[in-house]
Protein backbone atom coordinates (compact mmCIF):
# COMPACT_ATOMS: atom_id res chain seq x y z
CA UNK A 1 91.46 92.16 129.58
CA UNK A 2 89.98 95.39 128.22
CA UNK A 3 87.89 95.07 125.06
CA UNK A 4 88.41 97.27 122.00
CA UNK A 5 85.84 97.33 119.20
CA UNK A 6 87.13 98.01 115.68
CA UNK A 7 84.29 98.71 113.25
CA UNK A 8 84.33 98.57 109.45
CA UNK A 9 81.27 100.15 107.78
CA UNK A 10 82.40 102.16 104.72
CA UNK A 11 79.87 101.64 101.94
CA UNK A 12 81.52 99.39 99.31
CA UNK A 13 84.84 100.19 100.97
CA UNK A 14 86.25 96.75 100.25
CA UNK A 15 89.89 96.00 101.02
CA UNK A 16 91.00 99.61 100.55
CA UNK A 17 89.06 100.97 103.52
CA UNK A 18 89.30 97.86 105.69
CA UNK A 19 93.08 98.31 105.56
CA UNK A 20 92.70 101.50 107.62
CA UNK A 21 91.88 99.35 110.65
CA UNK A 22 94.93 97.13 110.27
CA UNK A 23 97.52 99.38 112.01
CA UNK A 24 95.21 99.84 115.01
CA UNK A 25 94.54 96.10 115.19
CA UNK A 26 98.24 95.28 114.92
CA UNK A 27 99.02 97.75 117.70
CA UNK A 28 96.39 96.42 120.08
CA UNK A 29 95.72 92.75 119.32
CA UNK A 30 98.32 91.35 121.73
CA UNK A 31 97.35 93.54 124.70
CA UNK A 32 93.57 93.82 124.41
CA UNK A 33 90.55 91.76 123.52
CA UNK A 34 90.03 93.21 120.04
CA UNK A 35 86.67 92.54 118.42
CA UNK A 36 86.31 93.32 114.72
CA UNK A 37 82.77 94.21 113.64
CA UNK A 38 81.78 94.46 109.99
CA UNK A 39 78.43 95.37 108.47
CA UNK A 40 76.96 94.07 105.24
CA UNK A 41 77.54 97.36 103.39
CA UNK A 42 81.33 97.06 103.09
CA UNK A 43 81.48 95.11 99.83
CA UNK A 44 83.86 92.50 101.25
CA UNK A 45 82.94 89.11 102.68
CA UNK A 46 83.63 88.00 106.24
CA UNK A 47 86.12 85.45 104.91
CA UNK A 48 87.97 88.03 102.79
CA UNK A 49 88.14 90.44 105.72
CA UNK A 50 89.48 87.73 108.03
CA UNK A 51 92.13 86.80 105.48
CA UNK A 52 93.28 90.41 105.10
CA UNK A 53 93.35 91.10 108.85
CA UNK A 54 94.47 87.60 109.91
CA UNK A 55 91.88 87.92 112.66
CA UNK A 56 88.29 86.82 113.35
CA UNK A 57 85.53 89.13 112.09
CA UNK A 58 81.93 89.34 113.31
CA UNK A 59 79.22 90.41 110.90
CA UNK A 60 76.66 92.60 112.68
CA UNK A 61 73.99 95.18 111.89
CA UNK A 62 73.97 98.84 112.90
CA UNK A 63 71.54 98.16 115.75
CA UNK A 64 74.17 95.97 117.43
CA UNK A 65 76.72 98.78 117.14
CA UNK A 66 74.24 101.34 118.48
CA UNK A 67 73.73 99.24 121.61
CA UNK A 68 77.41 99.27 122.61
CA UNK A 69 77.98 101.20 125.83
CA UNK A 70 81.05 102.28 127.83
CA UNK A 71 83.47 100.83 125.29
CA UNK A 72 86.45 102.04 123.29
CA UNK A 73 85.44 102.15 119.63
CA UNK A 74 87.72 102.62 116.63
CA UNK A 75 86.19 102.93 113.16
CA UNK A 76 87.03 103.65 109.54
CA UNK A 77 83.59 105.23 108.93
CA UNK A 78 82.71 108.68 110.27
CA UNK A 79 78.97 108.04 110.37
CA UNK A 80 79.49 105.48 113.16
CA UNK A 81 80.24 108.40 115.48
CA UNK A 82 76.68 109.67 115.05
CA UNK A 83 75.26 106.24 115.83
CA UNK A 84 77.06 105.12 118.98
CA UNK A 85 76.12 105.92 122.57
CA UNK A 86 77.68 108.89 124.35
CA UNK A 87 79.24 106.61 126.99
CA UNK A 88 81.70 105.21 124.45
CA UNK A 89 85.14 106.69 123.81
CA UNK A 90 85.40 106.89 120.04
CA UNK A 91 88.39 107.11 117.67
CA UNK A 92 87.89 107.78 113.96
CA UNK A 93 90.64 106.93 111.46
CA UNK A 94 90.37 109.59 108.75
CA UNK A 95 90.85 108.51 105.14
CA UNK A 96 93.79 109.46 102.97
CA UNK A 97 97.37 110.64 103.38
CA UNK A 98 96.73 114.30 102.66
CA UNK A 99 93.89 116.82 102.83
CA UNK A 100 91.58 117.27 99.84
CA UNK A 101 90.32 120.40 97.99
CA UNK A 102 86.62 119.72 98.62
CA UNK A 103 83.59 122.00 98.41
CA UNK A 104 82.34 121.32 101.95
CA UNK A 105 83.41 124.38 103.97
CA UNK A 106 83.12 122.33 107.17
CA UNK A 107 85.33 119.53 105.81
CA UNK A 108 82.78 116.85 106.77
CA UNK A 109 82.42 118.13 110.35
CA UNK A 110 78.69 117.31 110.24
CA UNK A 111 79.78 113.73 111.02
CA UNK A 112 83.35 114.04 112.33
CA UNK A 113 82.23 116.39 115.12
CA UNK A 114 80.77 113.44 117.05
CA UNK A 115 84.16 111.79 117.60
CA UNK A 116 86.41 112.05 120.64
CA UNK A 117 89.60 111.53 118.63
CA UNK A 118 90.33 111.84 114.91
CA UNK A 119 93.53 110.18 113.71
CA UNK A 120 94.83 111.51 110.39
CA UNK A 121 97.83 110.60 108.30
CA UNK A 122 99.24 114.03 107.55
CA UNK A 123 99.67 117.51 108.95
CA UNK A 124 97.64 119.15 106.19
CA UNK A 125 94.72 116.77 106.74
CA UNK A 126 94.70 117.55 110.47
CA UNK A 127 94.71 121.27 109.71
CA UNK A 128 91.75 121.00 107.33
CA UNK A 129 89.86 118.86 109.85
CA UNK A 130 90.54 121.48 112.52
CA UNK A 131 89.42 124.34 110.28
CA UNK A 132 86.21 122.52 109.39
CA UNK A 133 85.40 121.58 112.99
CA UNK A 134 86.10 125.09 114.23
CA UNK A 135 83.80 126.75 111.69
CA UNK A 136 81.10 124.10 112.16
CA UNK A 137 81.04 124.47 115.95
CA UNK A 138 81.08 128.25 115.79
CA UNK A 139 78.08 128.15 113.47
CA UNK A 140 76.33 125.48 115.54
CA UNK A 141 76.73 127.55 118.69
CA UNK A 142 75.37 130.74 117.14
CA UNK A 143 72.56 128.78 115.42
CA UNK A 144 73.57 129.95 111.96
CA UNK A 145 73.26 126.43 110.55
CA UNK A 146 70.12 124.28 110.95
CA UNK A 147 70.42 121.17 113.10
CA UNK A 148 67.84 118.42 113.33
CA UNK A 149 69.91 115.22 113.48
CA UNK A 150 68.81 112.75 116.14
CA UNK A 151 71.70 111.14 118.00
CA UNK A 152 72.48 109.65 121.40
CA UNK A 153 75.72 111.58 121.25
CA UNK A 154 76.58 115.28 121.20
CA UNK A 155 78.44 116.84 118.29
CA UNK A 156 79.60 119.63 120.61
CA UNK A 157 82.33 117.96 122.62
CA UNK A 158 86.12 117.95 123.01
CA UNK A 159 87.73 116.40 119.96
CA UNK A 160 91.44 115.64 119.88
CA UNK A 161 93.16 115.48 116.51
CA UNK A 162 96.22 113.30 116.11
CA UNK A 163 98.65 113.10 113.19
CA UNK A 164 100.64 109.94 112.50
CA UNK A 165 102.79 108.53 109.79
CA UNK A 166 100.54 107.20 107.01
CA UNK A 167 98.50 104.39 108.54
CA UNK A 168 98.84 102.24 105.42
CA UNK A 169 102.33 103.33 104.24
CA UNK A 170 104.53 103.76 107.32
CA UNK A 171 107.95 103.41 105.65
CA UNK A 172 109.32 106.11 103.32
CA UNK A 173 111.32 105.40 100.20
CA UNK A 174 114.95 106.06 101.10
CA UNK A 175 116.83 105.51 97.84
CA UNK A 176 116.45 106.76 94.30
CA UNK A 177 116.71 103.15 93.16
CA UNK A 178 113.39 102.39 94.88
CA UNK A 179 111.47 104.59 92.43
CA UNK A 180 109.57 102.65 89.81
CA UNK A 181 110.57 103.36 86.23
CA UNK A 182 108.08 104.79 83.75
CA UNK A 183 107.01 102.29 81.09
CA UNK A 184 107.34 103.06 77.38
CA UNK A 185 103.59 102.66 77.06
CA UNK A 186 102.68 105.49 79.38
CA UNK A 187 99.63 104.51 81.46
CA UNK A 188 97.63 107.25 83.15
CA UNK A 189 95.31 106.44 86.01
CA UNK A 190 92.23 108.66 86.09
CA UNK A 191 91.09 108.88 89.70
CA UNK A 192 88.03 111.07 90.22
CA UNK A 193 86.88 111.44 93.80
CA UNK A 194 83.32 110.70 94.85
CA UNK A 195 80.64 112.62 92.98
CA UNK A 196 79.50 115.66 94.95
CA UNK A 197 82.78 116.14 96.82
CA UNK A 198 84.45 118.68 94.49
CA UNK A 199 83.18 122.22 93.85
CA UNK A 200 80.85 122.54 90.89
CA UNK A 201 82.84 122.50 87.67
CA UNK A 202 85.95 121.06 89.36
CA UNK A 203 85.20 117.33 89.20
CA UNK A 204 87.50 115.28 86.98
CA UNK A 205 84.39 113.92 85.28
CA UNK A 206 83.48 117.46 84.21
CA UNK A 207 87.02 118.03 82.93
CA UNK A 208 87.55 114.59 81.39
CA UNK A 209 87.58 115.73 77.74
CA UNK A 210 90.21 118.48 78.11
CA UNK A 211 92.35 116.29 80.38
CA UNK A 212 92.42 113.27 78.04
CA UNK A 213 92.90 115.40 74.92
CA UNK A 214 95.80 117.28 76.52
CA UNK A 215 97.53 114.08 77.57
CA UNK A 216 97.11 112.45 74.15
CA UNK A 217 98.44 115.57 72.41
CA UNK A 218 101.55 115.51 74.60
CA UNK A 219 102.01 111.73 74.84
CA UNK A 220 100.30 110.06 71.82
CA UNK A 221 101.01 106.51 73.00
CA UNK A 222 99.32 107.12 76.36
CA UNK A 223 96.63 104.78 77.61
CA UNK A 224 94.21 105.36 80.47
CA UNK A 225 92.62 103.43 83.31
CA UNK A 226 89.54 105.08 84.84
CA UNK A 227 88.89 104.09 88.46
CA UNK A 228 85.59 105.58 89.65
CA UNK A 229 84.91 105.89 93.37
CA UNK A 230 83.41 102.57 94.49
CA UNK A 231 79.91 103.91 95.21
CA UNK A 232 79.70 105.84 91.93
CA UNK A 233 79.45 102.92 89.50
CA UNK A 234 75.65 103.01 89.67
CA UNK A 235 75.40 106.78 89.26
CA UNK A 236 73.71 107.62 85.92
CA UNK A 237 76.30 110.26 85.04
CA UNK A 238 79.18 107.84 85.69
CA UNK A 239 77.46 105.05 83.78
CA UNK A 240 77.12 107.34 80.76
CA UNK A 241 80.75 108.48 81.07
CA UNK A 242 81.97 104.88 81.22
CA UNK A 243 79.92 104.01 78.15
CA UNK A 244 81.39 106.93 76.18
CA UNK A 245 84.99 106.24 77.20
CA UNK A 246 84.82 102.48 76.68
CA UNK A 247 84.59 102.85 72.88
CA UNK A 248 88.28 103.84 72.86
CA UNK A 249 90.65 100.84 72.91
CA UNK A 250 93.23 102.84 74.86
CA UNK A 251 90.84 103.52 77.76
CA UNK A 252 89.92 100.77 80.23
CA UNK A 253 87.70 100.83 83.31
CA UNK A 254 88.94 99.49 86.64
CA UNK A 255 85.89 97.79 88.12
CA UNK A 256 87.84 95.06 89.91
CA UNK A 257 87.10 96.43 93.41
CA UNK A 258 90.68 95.45 94.29
CA UNK A 259 92.80 97.35 96.78
CA UNK A 260 94.00 100.68 95.44
CA UNK A 261 97.57 99.40 95.74
CA UNK A 262 97.01 97.06 92.80
CA UNK A 263 95.72 100.00 90.77
CA UNK A 264 98.77 102.11 91.61
CA UNK A 265 101.12 99.41 90.35
CA UNK A 266 99.47 99.54 86.90
CA UNK A 267 99.93 103.30 86.47
CA UNK A 268 102.84 105.52 85.47
CA UNK A 269 101.05 108.71 86.52
CA UNK A 270 97.73 109.39 88.22
CA UNK A 271 95.55 112.39 87.47
CA UNK A 272 92.95 113.24 90.10
CA UNK A 273 90.72 116.15 91.04
CA UNK A 274 90.87 115.88 94.82
CA UNK A 275 91.46 112.27 95.85
CA UNK A 276 94.15 111.64 98.44
CA UNK A 277 94.86 108.61 96.27
CA UNK A 278 97.13 110.86 94.22
CA UNK A 279 99.45 111.19 97.20
CA UNK A 280 99.03 107.51 98.14
CA UNK A 281 100.19 106.66 94.62
CA UNK A 282 103.32 108.78 95.10
CA UNK A 283 104.04 107.27 98.52
CA UNK A 284 103.66 103.74 97.17
CA UNK A 285 105.68 104.12 93.97
CA UNK A 286 107.71 107.32 94.12
CA UNK A 287 106.02 108.40 90.89
CA UNK A 288 104.38 111.80 90.62
CA UNK A 289 100.64 112.43 90.47
CA UNK A 290 98.88 115.43 88.92
CA UNK A 291 96.14 117.25 90.78
CA UNK A 292 93.85 118.88 88.24
CA UNK A 293 92.14 121.65 90.24
CA UNK A 294 90.42 124.10 87.88
CA UNK A 295 89.62 127.63 88.97
CA UNK A 296 85.93 126.77 89.41
CA UNK A 297 86.58 126.32 93.13
CA UNK A 298 88.58 129.48 93.76
CA UNK A 299 85.91 131.07 95.97
CA UNK A 300 85.95 128.07 98.32
CA UNK A 301 87.87 128.50 101.60
CA UNK A 302 88.89 124.85 101.84
CA UNK A 303 90.18 124.83 98.26
CA UNK A 304 92.11 128.05 98.88
CA UNK A 305 93.68 126.62 102.03
CA UNK A 306 94.60 123.38 100.27
CA UNK A 307 96.19 125.21 97.32
CA UNK A 308 98.19 127.44 99.67
CA UNK A 309 99.53 124.42 101.57
CA UNK A 310 100.14 122.08 98.63
CA UNK A 311 101.20 124.51 95.91
CA UNK A 312 104.90 124.12 96.68
CA UNK A 313 104.82 120.36 97.19
CA UNK A 314 102.52 118.66 94.66
CA UNK A 315 102.21 118.95 90.87
CA UNK A 316 99.00 120.97 90.43
CA UNK A 317 97.44 122.06 87.13
CA UNK A 318 94.67 124.66 87.05
CA UNK A 319 93.95 124.33 83.30
CA UNK A 320 94.94 122.41 80.16
CA UNK A 321 97.99 124.57 79.45
CA UNK A 322 99.39 123.97 82.91
CA UNK A 323 98.70 120.24 82.56
CA UNK A 324 100.62 120.23 79.26
CA UNK A 325 103.57 122.00 80.92
CA UNK A 326 103.60 119.53 83.81
CA UNK A 327 103.60 116.53 81.50
CA UNK A 328 106.43 118.01 79.45
CA UNK A 329 108.38 118.60 82.65
CA UNK A 330 107.77 115.03 83.83
CA UNK A 331 109.43 113.72 80.68
CA UNK A 332 112.56 115.75 81.44
CA UNK A 333 112.87 114.83 85.11
CA UNK A 334 115.73 112.61 86.20
CA UNK A 335 115.20 110.04 88.94
CA UNK A 336 117.10 112.19 91.42
CA UNK A 337 114.76 115.12 90.73
CA UNK A 338 111.67 112.96 91.14
CA UNK A 339 113.03 111.68 94.41
CA UNK A 340 113.72 115.22 95.58
CA UNK A 341 110.06 116.18 94.96
CA UNK A 342 108.90 113.07 96.78
CA UNK A 343 111.23 113.69 99.71
CA UNK A 344 110.27 117.36 100.04
CA UNK A 345 106.58 116.44 100.25
CA UNK A 346 107.19 113.55 102.65
CA UNK A 347 109.21 115.69 105.04
CA UNK A 348 106.66 118.53 105.00
CA UNK A 349 103.80 116.21 105.91
CA UNK A 350 105.34 113.47 108.03
CA UNK A 351 108.72 114.47 109.49
CA UNK A 352 108.72 113.99 113.25
CA UNK A 353 105.51 111.97 113.14
CA UNK A 354 105.17 108.65 114.88
CA UNK A 355 104.23 105.16 113.81
CA UNK A 356 100.54 104.35 114.21
CA UNK A 357 101.17 101.45 116.59
CA UNK A 358 102.72 103.80 119.18
CA UNK A 359 99.88 106.28 118.78
CA UNK A 360 96.98 103.83 119.09
CA UNK A 361 98.46 102.21 122.20
CA UNK A 362 98.80 105.60 123.88
CA UNK A 363 95.33 106.76 122.80
CA UNK A 364 93.65 103.69 124.28
CA UNK A 365 95.51 104.13 127.55
CA UNK A 366 95.37 107.92 127.97
CA UNK A 367 92.52 109.05 125.68
CA UNK A 368 92.44 112.87 125.51
CA UNK A 369 95.66 113.02 127.55
CA UNK A 370 97.64 111.16 124.91
CA UNK A 371 101.05 112.70 124.34
CA UNK A 372 100.54 112.35 120.59
CA UNK A 373 97.73 114.88 120.38
CA UNK A 374 98.18 117.43 117.59
CA UNK A 375 95.47 119.72 118.98
CA UNK A 376 92.07 119.69 120.63
CA UNK A 377 88.87 121.54 119.82
CA UNK A 378 86.31 122.21 122.52
CA UNK A 379 82.53 122.37 122.24
CA UNK A 380 82.68 126.08 121.36
CA UNK A 381 85.12 125.50 118.53
CA UNK A 382 88.20 126.90 120.26
CA UNK A 383 91.44 125.18 119.30
CA UNK A 384 94.31 124.36 121.65
CA UNK A 385 97.47 123.35 119.82
CA UNK A 386 100.19 121.23 121.41
CA UNK A 387 103.90 121.78 120.94
CA UNK A 388 104.80 118.70 118.96
CA UNK A 389 103.20 115.62 120.43
CA UNK A 390 106.56 114.12 121.36
CA UNK A 391 106.49 111.64 124.23
CA UNK A 392 107.38 113.18 127.54
CA UNK A 393 106.73 116.77 126.49
CA UNK A 394 104.27 118.98 128.30
CA UNK A 395 100.71 119.20 127.01
CA UNK A 396 100.40 122.73 128.35
C-alpha cells in the first residue's frame, strides 16, 4: 500500500490549521497508508490532534521530515516545501477561503514556489497565487531579486494550482432559515491578520480607534471580541494594544486558542483588514463580514487586484464614513437580502468546483496530470490555464 505523509507544522496553528489536513486524510485514509506527522511548534498536543483527526499522530522534528525521500507529501505549512528533498511530490493546502489584500507583491511565492501542487479553496485565491508565482519566477529568472536560500529543492519548477470547494466548509447554506439571527447585544469580532502582512497603514491594529469609535457611534450597545493572530500575542505592539483595550468592559480578548469556528459562533459581525477569516465567518454563519481596507495600500498590485475581484461581492469599507454606511445598511437588510449577498459570493468563488475528497484522490494518483488542475506555472513563470478542470475534459 502506497504511503502518504500529511504534515502539520504551522507555528501555533492549533486546531484551526490542523483542520486543513482533515479533508485530505478523509479522502485517502481508506486507500493509502497515511502517516500524520506533527512538530512541536503547532501549539496542539499529540492527543488533541489525534482526537480531532480520529487518527494516530507521530510527533517528529524537522530533521525527520527533511530526510523523507521519494514520497508523496501533503502539508498545511508552506515552509515545509523548502525543507523537503526534491525527490518528493509535494502538495500544499493553502490557507483560507478567499484571497487576501496583502502587501507582498509575490503573494508568498518565496515559499510556495517550492511546491508541486497548491490546493486552494477559491478561484480568487488561485488567481492571486498564480499572479504572485508568475512575477516571482520572472524576477528570479532575470536576477532582479536576490536569492540566497539553501534548499535541496528548486523553487523554479512546474507548479499546478487546483481550486476546490472550501476544504473546511464543503456544504453551502441552501435556505434563508439557515442564517443565524443577529443578537440584540450586537457583538463584533475584530480579526486582524498577522502583523506584517498588510500594507503599512492598513492593518486593523493601526485603524483600531476609528473602527471602534465608528461602530459605537452607530450601534451604542455593541461589544467587541479581539482575536489576534495566534503568533502575535507576544508581539510588543499587540501586548500594548490588548492592555489599552482591556480597560473597556465591552471589549474582551479571545486568547482561548480554540478553533476559529467557536469564535465565529460568538460574533454577529466580523471586521477584518485582510484575513480570509472574514469569508470563513460568512460561510459558517451566513452573516456578513466587513473588510476594512484603507487607501494606504492603493499602490499595491495585490491589493488592487483583490479590490477589483471582491468589490462586487464582499462588504468593503475604505474609511470610517464607508464603515458607518455599511453598518447602517446591515441594520436594514432582510434575511432574504443577506442570503442573496452570501449566495452571489458563493457562486462566484465556488460554483462548479469539486469536493476536496475527489480532488486529493486524483492528485495522488495522477499528480500534475490531475483533471482538477486549475492551471500550471512552469519554471519560467509562464501560465497554462485549463478549461474547467471537469473530469474527462481535455487538459490541452
